[in-house]
Amino acid sequence: MMKLYLAVTVLLLALFAYADAQDETIEEKLSRYGDQVADVFRNLADNAKEKLDEIGKSQFATNVKNWFKDNFGAK
């Protein structure tokens, strides 16, 4: 009977040690969160730049530029 108590105790200690080793510190969690937020904003900026470039190169934008050049440009 005593061996069973000892085995359960050792098993619980091993389980607690494993669980404790898996926990991240608050500092690590905040650092990872900051990295994720930076990635989101970096992706957002990249996507916005791509879309603005597409709009600037569109046929509509070209037509508007040409219209302004024709009507208000140097003669």
Protein backbone atom coordinates (compact mmCIF):
# COMPACT_ATOMS: atom_id res chain seq x y z
CA MET A 1 0.00 0.00 0.00
CA MET A 2 2.84 2.37 0.79
CA LYS A 3 4.36 1.76 -2.65
CA LEU A 4 1.11 2.93 -4.28
CA TYR A 5 1.18 6.23 -2.35
CA LEU A 6 4.81 6.75 -3.28
CA ALA A 7 4.11 6.00 -6.96
CA VAL A 8 1.15 8.40 -7.04
CA THR A 9 3.21 11.11 -5.34
CA VAL A 10 6.07 10.71 -7.81
CA LEU A 11 3.61 10.73 -10.70
CA LEU A 12 1.97 13.94 -9.44
CA LEU A 13 5.35 15.62 -8.95
CA ALA A 14 6.36 14.68 -12.50
CA LEU A 15 3.04 16.01 -13.81
CA PHE A 16 3.44 19.33 -11.97
CA ALA A 17 7.03 19.69 -13.17
CA TYR A 18 5.95 19.04 -16.76
CA ALA A 19 3.06 21.51 -16.53
CA ASP A 20 5.30 24.15 -14.99
CA ALA A 21 7.89 23.72 -17.72
CA GLN A 22 5.22 24.30 -20.40
CA ASP A 23 4.03 27.64 -19.05
CA GLU A 24 5.32 30.75 -20.71
CA THR A 25 6.23 33.76 -18.66
CA ILE A 26 4.11 36.86 -18.99
CA GLU A 27 7.07 38.54 -20.65
CA GLU A 28 7.22 35.85 -23.33
CA LYS A 29 3.47 36.03 -23.93
CA LEU A 30 3.57 39.82 -24.30
CA SER A 31 6.54 39.62 -26.63
CA ARG A 32 4.78 37.04 -28.80
CA TYR A 33 1.59 39.16 -28.78
CA GLY A 34 3.58 42.24 -29.81
CA ASP A 35 5.14 40.31 -32.68
CA GLN A 36 1.71 39.14 -33.84
CA VAL A 37 0.31 42.68 -33.75
CA ALA A 38 3.32 43.96 -35.71
CA ASP A 39 2.80 41.22 -38.31
CA VAL A 40 -0.88 42.12 -38.69
CA PHE A 41 -0.10 45.80 -39.26
CA ARG A 42 2.79 44.97 -41.61
CA ASN A 43 0.47 42.77 -43.69
CA LEU A 44 -2.21 45.45 -43.65
CA ALA A 45 0.27 48.07 -44.87
CA ASP A 46 1.57 45.76 -47.60
CA ASN A 47 -1.97 44.98 -48.80
CA ALA A 48 -2.94 48.65 -48.78
CA LYS A 49 0.16 49.57 -50.81
CA GLU A 50 -0.59 46.83 -53.35
CA LYS A 51 -4.20 47.97 -53.75
CA LEU A 52 -3.21 51.62 -54.14
CA ASP A 53 -0.67 50.62 -56.80
CA GLU A 54 -3.37 48.62 -58.61
CA ILE A 55 -5.73 51.60 -58.49
CA GLY A 56 -3.02 53.95 -59.74
CA LYS A 57 -2.29 51.67 -62.70
CA SER A 58 -5.94 51.02 -63.57
CA GLN A 59 -7.52 52.11 -66.83
CA PHE A 60 -9.78 54.57 -65.00
CA ALA A 61 -6.80 56.29 -63.34
CA THR A 62 -4.99 56.46 -66.67
CA ASN A 63 -8.04 58.01 -68.34
CA VAL A 64 -8.39 60.62 -65.59
CA LYS A 65 -4.69 61.53 -65.80
CA ASN A 66 -4.90 61.86 -69.57
CA TRP A 67 -8.07 63.98 -69.35
CA PHE A 68 -6.42 66.37 -66.89
CA LYS A 69 -3.28 66.51 -69.04
CA ASP A 70 -5.32 67.23 -72.17
CA ASN A 71 -7.50 69.87 -70.56
CA PHE A 72 -5.10 71.60 -68.20
CA GLY A 73 -1.64 70.63 -69.45
CA ALA A 74 0.86 72.73 -71.34
CA LYS A 75 -0.11 73.53 -74.91
